[in-house]
Amino acid sequence: MNINDLLATSLSFVIFLSCLSRPTDVCAQETSPNIVVFLVDDMGVMDTSVPFLTDDTGKPKRYPLNDFYRTPNMQRLADQGVRFNQFYAMSVCSPTRISIMTGQNAARHHATNWINPQKNNAGKHAPPTWNWQGLSSTDVTLPGLLQKAGYHTIHIGKGHFGPNDSEGAEPLNLGFDVNVAGTAYGAPGSYYGSDDYGLKTKRAHYAVPHLDAYHGTDTFLTEALTLEAKKRVAESVQQKKPFYLYMSHYAVHGPHQSDPRFAAHYKNSDKPKKAQAFATLVEGMDKSLGDLLDHLDALGVSENTLIFFLGDNGSDAPLGHQHSVASAAPLRGKKGAHYEGGMRVPFIAAWAKANADNANQQQLPIPAGKLQTQIAAVQDLYPTITTMAGATSPPEHVVDGIDLSKLLTAAPDKSRAEQFLMHYPHSPHRSDHFTVYRDGDWKVIYHYLPSKTSAGKHYQLYNLADDPFESKNLASKKPVVLREMVAKLKQSLESHDAQYPVSPKDGKTPLLPVVP
């Protein structure tokens, strides 16, 4: 029996004992915790009024962007739980989403680029066998395991797990009992119900499905998805089944259309119109979070519901060049980039309502208002959730993620390696053919085919403790550290069975990282 199975068995026994003296209907609701993954598209760590970055003393520090955005419900969640300030996602969306589903780093599952629903978008010199097809019905997935463990599994919003006509295009093939609005593409045709969410526009091929009841109305897409989520959660509660809600908003992805409910809050801002519209999408997403928290409370299940809030890649705020300090200021870079602004995302974990007498909360006590500074990443959700839910991952399925349970108590976990691997062997995008490897304070970026995005160089090296905003490339000044870090990068890729870009000369020979 592995450690996850042991923890799951222990949790089940504790809850069983607590149920012996309690009413049957109460125990049916509390035997397994309800779980919500609230995933926001294109939301980086600075796209919020909640400060995640810290000062020299380790306390949260506000920056100008924190004062531009309005996210009171994110603050509400953070006040009752723990937020991570060094939580990483892949730099583009499909890789992150498949990592959440499988517990694997993108370097292993090989879906290393966003998935174009209509054609293979590998780009020049990319691995010829990269996983453009994404997930299939035979893959081990988080909702599939939860489904087997007795959960009602609900998918609301963006899917983007596979291209058109693939099994991954339909979340019902991947372990979900319910799918509302999930399909192959990653951007909505329109956020407006008056546009039938795209059907009445030139972007009809991206029209969001399953929302006909809201067509021709003033219901903004974010609101429509929230209403559908509330309905499906209520059905699960009525059936007395634990639920897994994958609440995957299309917001705040483009097209950056203004949510009229919040436009007045930004009209006097000095930011461009598109940035103001982006901010309304952020605030609309935040209202959705608050509405869902209120709904769980009204249903009487908030004390037994665990919520994970996160973004799927770095910020895509329309505030400047992808390698500058603007969109995620003071962090450098944005979505798709190899800098921290392209990969650092907000992450908050909390019980929807604290109750020290709840058996599941006793097993996983998440303190209120705490900040966790250790490194963690999206693939860690899979082992955390399966353990908490008593679901068993098959031994043949390789899991790269590490259970977050100890970190969620705001305590340090000295058993965890302080490492993160981000592999993007593709082009064209905001950065081309790169691998990022972080180990403790050091971060190395390897560019397989130096280009304008890398200033024509193979190597970038930063010490994030001394230079968190990546302003000083130390590659030439720290040759010993550079060699060590590139060697570790190469070893990590090999251990993940990674695929590599190919030589422009013959289109076949893999370009392996070169240790200087």
Protein backbone atom coordinates (compact mmCIF):
# COMPACT_ATOMS: atom_id res chain seq x y z
CA MET A 1 0.00 0.00 0.00
CA ASN A 2 1.45 3.40 -0.98
CA ILE A 3 1.30 6.52 1.18
CA ASN A 4 -1.72 7.98 -0.66
CA ASP A 5 -3.72 4.78 -0.13
CA LEU A 6 -2.70 4.72 3.55
CA LEU A 7 -3.80 8.32 4.07
CA ALA A 8 -7.09 7.69 2.28
CA THR A 9 -7.77 4.60 4.43
CA SER A 10 -6.97 6.51 7.63
CA LEU A 11 -9.30 9.34 6.60
CA SER A 12 -12.15 6.93 5.86
CA PHE A 13 -11.74 5.27 9.28
CA VAL A 14 -11.73 8.61 11.13
CA ILE A 15 -14.90 9.71 9.35
CA PHE A 16 -16.55 6.34 9.94
CA LEU A 17 -15.99 6.64 13.70
CA SER A 18 -17.35 10.19 13.73
CA CYS A 19 -20.48 9.04 11.91
CA LEU A 20 -21.46 6.29 14.38
CA SER A 21 -23.27 8.75 16.62
CA ARG A 22 -24.61 11.05 13.93
CA PRO A 23 -27.76 10.99 11.74
CA THR A 24 -27.45 8.95 8.56
CA ASP A 25 -28.31 11.81 6.20
CA VAL A 26 -25.65 14.04 7.79
CA CYS A 27 -23.01 11.33 7.43
CA ALA A 28 -23.94 10.76 3.81
CA GLN A 29 -22.98 14.35 3.14
CA GLU A 30 -19.81 14.28 5.29
CA THR A 31 -18.31 10.87 4.47
CA SER A 32 -16.48 12.35 1.49
CA PRO A 33 -15.73 16.03 1.06
CA ASN A 34 -17.18 17.93 -1.84
CA ILE A 35 -14.40 19.37 -3.98
CA VAL A 36 -14.40 22.45 -6.20
CA VAL A 37 -11.61 23.35 -8.59
CA PHE A 38 -12.28 26.97 -9.57
CA LEU A 39 -10.06 27.55 -12.59
CA VAL A 40 -9.72 30.95 -14.24
CA ASP A 41 -8.40 31.24 -17.78
CA ASP A 42 -5.38 33.51 -18.41
CA MET A 43 -5.30 34.81 -14.84
CA GLY A 44 -1.84 35.54 -13.51
CA VAL A 45 -0.74 36.16 -9.95
CA MET A 46 -1.04 39.96 -10.31
CA ASP A 47 -4.56 40.06 -11.84
CA THR A 48 -6.22 40.54 -8.47
CA SER A 49 -6.63 42.95 -5.58
CA VAL A 50 -5.28 40.21 -3.29
CA PRO A 51 -1.53 40.64 -2.76
CA PHE A 52 0.41 37.41 -3.32
CA LEU A 53 3.94 38.77 -3.61
CA THR A 54 5.78 39.55 -0.41
CA ASP A 55 8.22 42.12 0.98
CA ASP A 56 11.62 41.40 2.49
CA THR A 57 10.03 40.29 5.74
CA GLY A 58 7.76 37.76 4.04
CA LYS A 59 4.55 39.75 4.45
CA PRO A 60 2.13 40.33 1.53
CA LYS A 61 3.02 43.49 -0.37
CA ARG A 62 0.63 45.50 -2.51
CA TYR A 63 1.65 46.74 -5.94
CA PRO A 64 -0.21 49.15 -8.27
CA LEU A 65 -2.00 46.36 -10.15
CA ASN A 66 -3.47 45.13 -6.85
CA ASP A 67 -5.15 48.52 -6.54
CA PHE A 68 -6.46 48.43 -10.11
CA TYR A 69 -8.35 45.12 -9.88
CA ARG A 70 -11.35 44.40 -7.66
CA THR A 71 -11.59 40.85 -6.30
CA PRO A 72 -13.27 40.99 -2.86
CA ASN A 73 -14.38 37.36 -3.01
CA MET A 74 -10.86 36.15 -3.68
CA GLN A 75 -9.94 38.12 -0.57
CA ARG A 76 -12.82 36.47 1.27
CA LEU A 77 -11.51 33.04 0.30
CA ALA A 78 -7.91 33.95 1.15
CA ASP A 79 -9.01 35.27 4.54
CA GLN A 80 -10.48 31.89 5.43
CA GLY A 81 -7.72 29.75 3.93
CA VAL A 82 -4.15 29.66 2.69
CA ARG A 83 -2.73 31.31 -0.41
CA PHE A 84 0.48 30.34 -2.20
CA ASN A 85 2.78 32.98 -3.64
CA GLN A 86 5.03 30.65 -5.63
CA PHE A 87 2.47 28.47 -7.36
CA TYR A 88 3.22 27.55 -10.96
CA ALA A 89 1.24 26.56 -14.02
CA MET A 90 2.41 25.76 -17.52
CA SER A 91 2.78 28.91 -19.60
CA VAL A 92 -0.18 28.12 -21.89
CA CYS A 93 -3.57 26.59 -21.19
CA SER A 94 -4.03 23.04 -22.54
CA PRO A 95 -0.81 21.76 -20.92
CA THR A 96 -1.98 23.03 -17.53
CA ARG A 97 -5.48 21.63 -17.91
CA ILE A 98 -4.19 18.19 -18.82
CA SER A 99 -1.71 18.34 -15.92
CA ILE A 100 -4.60 18.95 -13.51
CA MET A 101 -6.48 16.03 -15.05
CA THR A 102 -3.55 13.59 -14.95
CA GLY A 103 -1.17 14.74 -12.22
CA GLN A 104 1.62 14.77 -14.78
CA ASN A 105 3.97 17.51 -15.87
CA ALA A 106 3.43 18.55 -19.48
CA ALA A 107 6.93 17.27 -20.32
CA ARG A 108 5.57 13.79 -19.55
CA HIS A 109 2.06 13.89 -21.03
CA HIS A 110 3.50 15.58 -24.15
CA ALA A 111 0.61 18.00 -24.70
CA THR A 112 3.17 20.77 -24.51
CA ASN A 113 1.33 23.45 -26.48
CA TRP A 114 -2.18 24.87 -26.50
CA ILE A 115 -4.36 22.66 -28.68
CA ASN A 116 -5.69 24.27 -31.84
CA PRO A 117 -9.08 22.58 -32.34
CA GLN A 118 -8.85 22.66 -36.15
CA LYS A 119 -5.25 21.80 -37.03
CA ASN A 120 -1.99 20.56 -35.59
CA ASN A 121 -0.29 23.71 -34.30
CA ALA A 122 3.08 22.22 -33.40
CA GLY A 123 4.98 25.06 -35.06
CA LYS A 124 8.32 24.88 -36.81
CA HIS A 125 10.93 22.41 -35.53
CA ALA A 126 8.59 21.03 -32.84
CA PRO A 127 8.54 17.35 -31.81
CA PRO A 128 6.68 15.58 -34.62
CA THR A 129 4.82 13.29 -32.21
CA TRP A 130 3.76 15.82 -29.59
CA ASN A 131 0.35 15.06 -28.09
CA TRP A 132 -1.89 17.29 -30.21
CA GLN A 133 -4.78 14.86 -29.68
CA GLY A 134 -4.75 15.56 -25.94
CA LEU A 135 -6.76 13.29 -23.65
CA SER A 136 -8.79 10.23 -24.63
CA SER A 137 -11.34 7.99 -22.94
CA THR A 138 -8.64 5.45 -22.06
CA ASP A 139 -6.52 7.93 -20.10
CA VAL A 140 -6.48 7.97 -16.32
CA THR A 141 -8.10 11.23 -15.23
CA LEU A 142 -8.94 12.88 -11.94
CA PRO A 143 -12.71 13.05 -12.56
CA GLY A 144 -12.66 9.44 -13.75
CA LEU A 145 -11.12 8.30 -10.48
CA LEU A 146 -13.51 10.42 -8.45
CA GLN A 147 -16.43 9.03 -10.44
CA LYS A 148 -15.36 5.50 -9.47
CA ALA A 149 -15.10 6.65 -5.84
CA GLY A 150 -18.78 7.63 -5.84
CA TYR A 151 -18.55 11.30 -6.77
CA HIS A 152 -20.93 13.16 -9.05
CA THR A 153 -18.49 14.86 -11.43
CA ILE A 154 -19.49 18.17 -12.97
CA HIS A 155 -17.73 20.07 -15.76
CA ILE A 156 -18.77 23.68 -16.25
CA GLY A 157 -17.09 25.98 -18.77
CA LYS A 158 -13.93 25.64 -20.80
CA GLY A 159 -12.60 22.20 -21.70
CA HIS A 160 -9.80 22.43 -24.29
CA PHE A 161 -8.57 18.88 -23.66
CA GLY A 162 -8.44 17.81 -27.32
CA PRO A 163 -9.16 19.02 -30.88
CA ASN A 164 -12.40 18.81 -32.85
CA ASP A 165 -13.71 15.28 -33.42
CA SER A 166 -11.40 13.81 -30.79
CA GLU A 167 -12.58 12.04 -27.65
CA GLY A 168 -10.98 14.78 -25.58
CA ALA A 169 -13.25 17.39 -27.14
CA GLU A 170 -16.11 15.99 -25.04
CA PRO A 171 -15.54 16.05 -21.26
CA LEU A 172 -18.16 13.30 -20.84
CA ASN A 173 -15.55 10.94 -22.33
CA LEU A 174 -13.04 11.88 -19.65
CA GLY A 175 -14.84 11.02 -16.44
CA PHE A 176 -17.41 13.77 -16.10
CA ASP A 177 -21.08 12.95 -15.49
CA VAL A 178 -22.18 16.43 -16.58
CA ASN A 179 -20.76 18.77 -19.18
CA VAL A 180 -22.00 22.31 -19.65
CA ALA A 181 -20.13 24.47 -22.19
CA GLY A 182 -17.01 22.32 -22.48
CA THR A 183 -15.70 21.61 -25.96
CA ALA A 184 -12.52 21.58 -28.08
CA TYR A 185 -11.72 25.28 -28.25
CA GLY A 186 -10.31 27.52 -25.58
CA ALA A 187 -11.86 30.92 -26.34
CA PRO A 188 -15.54 31.90 -26.46
CA GLY A 189 -17.12 33.27 -29.60
CA SER A 190 -18.62 36.02 -27.47
CA TYR A 191 -19.32 36.71 -23.81
CA TYR A 192 -22.70 38.25 -24.67
CA GLY A 193 -25.99 36.38 -24.47
CA SER A 194 -27.33 38.82 -27.04
CA ASP A 195 -24.78 37.31 -29.47
CA ASP A 196 -25.87 33.79 -28.48
CA TYR A 197 -22.31 33.51 -27.10
CA GLY A 198 -20.88 33.73 -30.58
CA LEU A 199 -23.47 32.16 -32.87
CA LYS A 200 -24.50 35.55 -34.23
CA THR A 201 -20.94 36.71 -34.87
CA LYS A 202 -18.04 36.00 -37.21
CA ARG A 203 -16.68 33.77 -34.46
CA ALA A 204 -19.60 31.35 -34.70
CA HIS A 205 -17.18 28.40 -34.86
CA TYR A 206 -16.26 29.29 -31.26
CA ALA A 207 -19.85 29.67 -30.02
CA VAL A 208 -20.15 28.30 -26.48
CA PRO A 209 -22.46 25.24 -26.48
CA HIS A 210 -25.27 24.11 -24.14
CA LEU A 211 -26.42 27.60 -23.16
CA ASP A 212 -29.45 28.01 -25.43
CA ALA A 213 -31.66 29.00 -22.48
CA TYR A 214 -29.68 32.25 -22.20
CA HIS A 215 -29.59 33.13 -25.90
CA GLY A 216 -30.96 36.54 -26.73
CA THR A 217 -30.69 37.72 -23.12
CA ASP A 218 -28.40 40.15 -21.34
CA THR A 219 -26.84 37.30 -19.35
CA PHE A 220 -23.05 37.59 -19.51
CA LEU A 221 -21.25 34.30 -20.15
CA THR A 222 -19.61 34.27 -16.72
CA GLU A 223 -23.02 34.64 -15.09
CA ALA A 224 -24.62 31.95 -17.25
CA LEU A 225 -21.92 29.45 -16.29
CA THR A 226 -22.36 30.36 -12.62
CA LEU A 227 -26.11 29.78 -12.78
CA GLU A 228 -25.54 26.41 -14.42
CA ALA A 229 -22.97 25.43 -11.80
CA LYS A 230 -25.33 26.31 -8.96
CA LYS A 231 -28.08 24.24 -10.56
CA ARG A 232 -25.87 21.15 -10.98
CA VAL A 233 -24.44 21.39 -7.46
CA ALA A 234 -27.96 21.60 -6.03
CA GLU A 235 -28.89 18.44 -7.93
CA SER A 236 -25.93 16.59 -6.41
CA VAL A 237 -26.85 17.71 -2.91
CA GLN A 238 -30.43 16.61 -3.46
CA GLN A 239 -29.15 13.18 -4.54
CA LYS A 240 -26.97 13.08 -1.38
CA LYS A 241 -23.86 12.42 -3.43
CA PRO A 242 -20.49 14.07 -2.92
CA PHE A 243 -19.66 16.26 -5.89
CA TYR A 244 -16.57 17.30 -7.78
CA LEU A 245 -17.15 20.63 -9.52
CA TYR A 246 -14.61 21.64 -12.14
CA MET A 247 -15.64 25.28 -12.50
CA SER A 248 -13.59 26.32 -15.51
CA HIS A 249 -14.37 29.87 -16.58
CA TYR A 250 -13.70 31.13 -20.09
CA ALA A 251 -12.96 34.46 -18.42
CA VAL A 252 -10.57 36.15 -18.50
CA HIS A 253 -9.49 34.89 -21.94
CA GLY A 254 -9.98 37.05 -25.00
CA PRO A 255 -11.96 38.40 -26.69
CA HIS A 256 -11.64 41.02 -23.98
CA GLN A 257 -15.26 42.18 -24.05
CA SER A 258 -16.39 44.43 -21.27
CA ASP A 259 -18.75 43.00 -18.67
CA PRO A 260 -21.31 45.84 -18.42
CA ARG A 261 -22.03 45.01 -14.78
CA PHE A 262 -18.63 46.38 -13.78
CA ALA A 263 -17.56 48.77 -16.54
CA ALA A 264 -18.24 51.88 -14.43
CA HIS A 265 -15.59 50.79 -11.93
CA TYR A 266 -12.79 51.31 -14.47
CA LYS A 267 -13.96 54.02 -16.86
CA ASN A 268 -11.91 56.70 -15.09
CA SER A 269 -8.79 54.56 -15.05
CA ASP A 270 -5.62 55.57 -16.88
CA LYS A 271 -5.48 52.07 -18.40
CA PRO A 272 -6.36 51.41 -22.08
CA LYS A 273 -9.91 50.39 -22.98
CA LYS A 274 -8.92 46.75 -23.52
CA ALA A 275 -7.27 46.65 -20.11
CA GLN A 276 -10.41 48.11 -18.56
CA ALA A 277 -12.47 45.40 -20.25
CA PHE A 278 -10.04 42.78 -18.96
CA ALA A 279 -10.56 44.12 -15.44
CA THR A 280 -14.34 43.76 -15.78
CA LEU A 281 -13.81 40.11 -16.73
CA VAL A 282 -11.71 39.65 -13.61
CA GLU A 283 -14.37 41.23 -11.41
CA GLY A 284 -17.11 39.16 -13.05
CA MET A 285 -15.15 36.00 -12.31
CA ASP A 286 -14.77 37.15 -8.72
CA LYS A 287 -18.53 37.69 -8.39
CA SER A 288 -19.01 34.14 -9.64
CA LEU A 289 -16.77 32.88 -6.84
CA GLY A 290 -18.76 34.80 -4.26
CA ASP A 291 -22.08 33.58 -5.65
CA LEU A 292 -20.87 29.99 -5.50
CA LEU A 293 -19.67 30.37 -1.91
CA ASP A 294 -23.05 31.82 -0.94
CA HIS A 295 -24.82 28.98 -2.75
CA LEU A 296 -22.85 26.30 -0.92
CA ASP A 297 -23.74 27.96 2.35
CA ALA A 298 -27.43 28.13 1.44
CA LEU A 299 -27.39 24.43 0.56
CA GLY A 300 -25.84 23.59 3.92
CA VAL A 301 -22.75 21.92 2.45
CA SER A 302 -20.12 24.63 2.75
CA GLU A 303 -18.50 23.11 5.84
CA ASN A 304 -17.80 19.93 3.90
CA THR A 305 -16.65 21.55 0.65
CA LEU A 306 -13.00 22.09 -0.17
CA ILE A 307 -12.21 24.80 -2.72
CA PHE A 308 -9.09 25.22 -4.83
CA PHE A 309 -8.85 28.51 -6.71
CA LEU A 310 -6.20 29.03 -9.41
CA GLY A 311 -5.29 30.40 -12.83
CA ASP A 312 -4.20 28.22 -15.76
CA ASN A 313 -1.19 30.28 -16.91
CA GLY A 314 0.34 33.70 -16.47
CA SER A 315 -1.49 36.93 -17.09
CA ASP A 316 -2.65 37.94 -20.56
CA ALA A 317 -3.69 41.42 -19.49
CA PRO A 318 -3.42 43.77 -22.50
CA LEU A 319 -0.93 46.05 -20.83
CA GLY A 320 2.30 45.66 -22.74
CA HIS A 321 4.86 43.51 -24.51
CA GLN A 322 5.09 39.87 -23.44
CA HIS A 323 8.68 40.19 -22.16
CA SER A 324 8.30 43.56 -20.47
CA VAL A 325 7.24 44.49 -16.96
CA ALA A 326 3.67 45.65 -17.49
CA SER A 327 1.00 42.95 -17.61
CA ALA A 328 2.18 41.29 -14.39
CA ALA A 329 4.20 44.16 -12.90
CA PRO A 330 6.48 43.95 -11.03
CA LEU A 331 6.98 40.47 -12.49
CA ARG A 332 8.43 40.25 -15.97
CA GLY A 333 6.56 38.61 -18.85
CA LYS A 334 3.05 37.38 -19.50
CA LYS A 335 1.23 34.29 -20.80
CA GLY A 336 3.46 32.16 -23.01
CA ALA A 337 6.69 33.75 -21.85
CA HIS A 338 9.55 32.03 -20.06
CA TYR A 339 9.57 34.65 -17.30
CA GLU A 340 7.73 34.45 -13.97
CA GLY A 341 4.81 36.52 -15.23
CA GLY A 342 4.10 33.76 -17.75
CA MET A 343 3.90 30.92 -15.22
CA ARG A 344 3.13 32.28 -11.75
CA VAL A 345 -0.58 32.06 -10.92
CA PRO A 346 -2.80 32.75 -7.91
CA PHE A 347 -3.62 29.72 -5.79
CA ILE A 348 -5.93 29.69 -2.77
CA ALA A 349 -7.20 26.67 -0.85
CA ALA A 350 -9.91 26.85 1.80
CA TRP A 351 -12.89 25.09 3.22
CA ALA A 352 -15.94 27.01 2.04
CA LYS A 353 -16.85 27.49 5.70
CA ALA A 354 -14.72 26.65 8.70
CA ASN A 355 -16.00 24.11 11.23
CA ALA A 356 -13.55 22.49 13.61
CA ASP A 357 -16.02 19.67 14.34
CA ASN A 358 -16.17 18.53 10.72
CA ALA A 359 -14.29 15.24 10.34
CA ASN A 360 -12.76 16.17 7.00
CA GLN A 361 -11.60 19.53 8.31
CA GLN A 362 -10.05 17.75 11.27
CA GLN A 363 -8.13 15.57 8.84
CA LEU A 364 -7.06 18.59 6.77
CA PRO A 365 -7.09 21.70 8.98
CA ILE A 366 -6.56 24.72 6.75
CA PRO A 367 -5.83 27.78 8.89
CA ALA A 368 -7.36 31.15 8.11
CA GLY A 369 -5.51 33.97 6.40
CA LYS A 370 -2.14 32.25 5.98
CA LEU A 371 0.49 32.57 3.26
CA GLN A 372 2.50 29.59 1.96
CA THR A 373 5.81 30.43 0.31
CA GLN A 374 7.00 26.99 -0.81
CA ILE A 375 7.00 26.09 -4.48
CA ALA A 376 4.06 24.05 -5.79
CA ALA A 377 2.44 23.48 -9.18
CA VAL A 378 -0.73 22.48 -10.98
CA GLN A 379 0.09 18.75 -11.19
CA ASP A 380 -0.01 18.66 -7.37
CA LEU A 381 -3.81 18.96 -7.37
CA TYR A 382 -4.29 15.39 -8.62
CA PRO A 383 -2.63 13.54 -5.70
CA THR A 384 -4.03 16.03 -3.19
CA ILE A 385 -7.61 15.54 -4.33
CA THR A 386 -7.45 11.78 -4.83
CA THR A 387 -6.06 11.36 -1.32
CA MET A 388 -8.70 13.60 0.21
CA ALA A 389 -11.50 11.87 -1.70
CA GLY A 390 -10.34 8.33 -0.98
CA ALA A 391 -9.82 7.66 -4.69
CA THR A 392 -7.07 5.33 -5.85
CA SER A 393 -4.76 6.14 -8.74
CA PRO A 394 -3.61 2.99 -10.57
CA PRO A 395 0.04 2.12 -9.89
CA GLU A 396 0.92 2.02 -13.57
CA HIS A 397 -0.10 5.66 -13.97
CA VAL A 398 2.94 7.86 -13.33
CA VAL A 399 2.12 10.87 -11.13
CA ASP A 400 4.56 13.78 -11.01
CA GLY A 401 2.52 15.84 -8.58
CA ILE A 402 3.11 15.80 -4.82
CA ASP A 403 0.32 15.88 -2.26
CA LEU A 404 -0.18 19.44 -0.99
CA SER A 405 -1.85 18.42 2.27
CA LYS A 406 0.98 19.50 4.58
CA LEU A 407 1.47 22.79 2.74
CA LEU A 408 -2.26 23.46 3.02
CA THR A 409 -1.88 23.59 6.79
CA ALA A 410 0.53 26.53 6.20
CA ALA A 411 3.38 24.44 7.65
CA PRO A 412 6.65 23.86 5.80
CA ASP A 413 7.12 20.51 4.07
CA LYS A 414 10.84 19.75 4.13
CA SER A 415 10.31 16.53 2.19
CA ARG A 416 9.36 18.45 -0.96
CA ALA A 417 11.96 19.39 -3.54
CA GLU A 418 11.80 23.11 -4.35
CA GLN A 419 11.74 22.50 -8.10
CA PHE A 420 9.62 23.31 -11.14
CA LEU A 421 9.95 22.22 -14.77
CA MET A 422 8.26 24.01 -17.68
CA HIS A 423 8.90 22.63 -21.17
CA TYR A 424 7.76 24.35 -24.39
CA PRO A 425 9.42 22.80 -27.48
CA HIS A 426 7.25 24.79 -29.90
CA SER A 427 6.93 27.95 -31.98
CA PRO A 428 5.71 30.46 -32.85
CA HIS A 429 4.47 31.96 -29.64
CA ARG A 430 5.65 34.62 -27.24
CA SER A 431 8.70 32.50 -26.54
CA ASP A 432 10.06 29.77 -28.79
CA HIS A 433 11.57 26.34 -28.02
CA PHE A 434 12.49 26.74 -24.37
CA THR A 435 12.70 24.85 -21.10
CA VAL A 436 12.57 26.49 -17.68
CA TYR A 437 13.96 24.73 -14.63
CA ARG A 438 13.82 26.10 -11.12
CA ASP A 439 15.68 24.62 -8.17
CA GLY A 440 15.43 26.61 -4.95
CA ASP A 441 16.38 30.22 -5.57
CA TRP A 442 17.95 29.51 -8.96
CA LYS A 443 16.15 29.52 -12.27
CA VAL A 444 17.66 28.63 -15.63
CA ILE A 445 16.07 29.09 -19.05
CA TYR A 446 17.43 27.09 -21.97
CA HIS A 447 16.66 28.23 -25.51
CA TYR A 448 17.11 25.44 -28.07
CA LEU A 449 17.11 27.78 -31.08
CA PRO A 450 18.19 31.26 -29.93
CA SER A 451 15.99 33.98 -31.40
CA LYS A 452 14.81 37.51 -30.71
CA THR A 453 12.86 36.28 -27.67
CA SER A 454 16.12 35.10 -26.07
CA ALA A 455 18.35 37.94 -27.28
CA GLY A 456 20.09 35.37 -29.45
CA LYS A 457 21.39 33.37 -26.50
CA HIS A 458 20.97 29.79 -25.29
CA TYR A 459 21.12 30.52 -21.57
CA GLN A 460 19.47 32.78 -19.02
CA LEU A 461 20.16 32.40 -15.31
CA TYR A 462 18.48 34.22 -12.43
CA ASN A 463 18.61 34.13 -8.66
CA LEU A 464 15.00 34.77 -7.71
CA ALA A 465 15.82 35.48 -4.08
CA ASP A 466 18.09 38.38 -5.02
CA ASP A 467 16.37 39.29 -8.28
CA PRO A 468 12.70 38.21 -8.18
CA PHE A 469 11.86 40.32 -11.21
CA GLU A 470 14.51 38.75 -13.48
CA SER A 471 16.41 41.88 -14.40
CA LYS A 472 19.98 40.47 -14.24
CA ASN A 473 20.98 37.52 -16.41
CA LEU A 474 23.83 35.86 -14.49
CA ALA A 475 24.64 33.22 -17.10
CA SER A 476 28.04 34.68 -17.93
CA LYS A 477 28.90 35.68 -14.36
CA LYS A 478 28.02 32.36 -12.68
CA PRO A 479 29.42 29.66 -15.02
CA VAL A 480 29.61 26.98 -12.32
CA VAL A 481 26.00 27.51 -11.25
CA LEU A 482 24.92 27.64 -14.89
CA ARG A 483 26.53 24.27 -15.64
CA GLU A 484 24.92 22.70 -12.58
CA MET A 485 21.48 24.08 -13.41
CA VAL A 486 21.55 23.08 -17.08
CA ALA A 487 22.69 19.59 -16.08
CA LYS A 488 19.74 19.36 -13.66
CA LEU A 489 17.39 20.69 -16.35
CA LYS A 490 18.59 18.01 -18.75
CA GLN A 491 18.26 15.28 -16.13
CA SER A 492 14.73 16.40 -15.26
CA LEU A 493 13.67 16.32 -18.91
CA GLU A 494 15.09 12.83 -19.31
CA SER A 495 13.30 11.59 -16.18
CA HIS A 496 10.01 12.92 -17.60
CA ASP A 497 10.55 11.22 -20.97
CA ALA A 498 10.36 14.64 -22.61
CA GLN A 499 10.23 15.31 -26.34
CA TYR A 500 12.59 17.83 -27.92
CA PRO A 501 12.57 20.29 -30.81
CA VAL A 502 14.22 18.94 -33.94
CA SER A 503 17.13 20.27 -35.95
CA PRO A 504 16.21 22.76 -38.69
CA LYS A 505 18.84 21.04 -40.85
CA ASP A 506 17.13 17.67 -41.23
CA GLY A 507 13.83 18.05 -39.36
CA LYS A 508 14.53 14.81 -37.47
CA THR A 509 17.45 15.02 -35.06
CA PRO A 510 16.31 15.97 -31.54
CA LEU A 511 17.97 19.08 -30.16
CA LEU A 512 19.10 18.09 -26.68
CA PRO A 513 20.07 20.70 -24.07
CA VAL A 514 23.80 21.40 -24.14
CA VAL A 515 25.54 21.74 -20.79
CA PRO A 516 28.00 24.67 -21.16
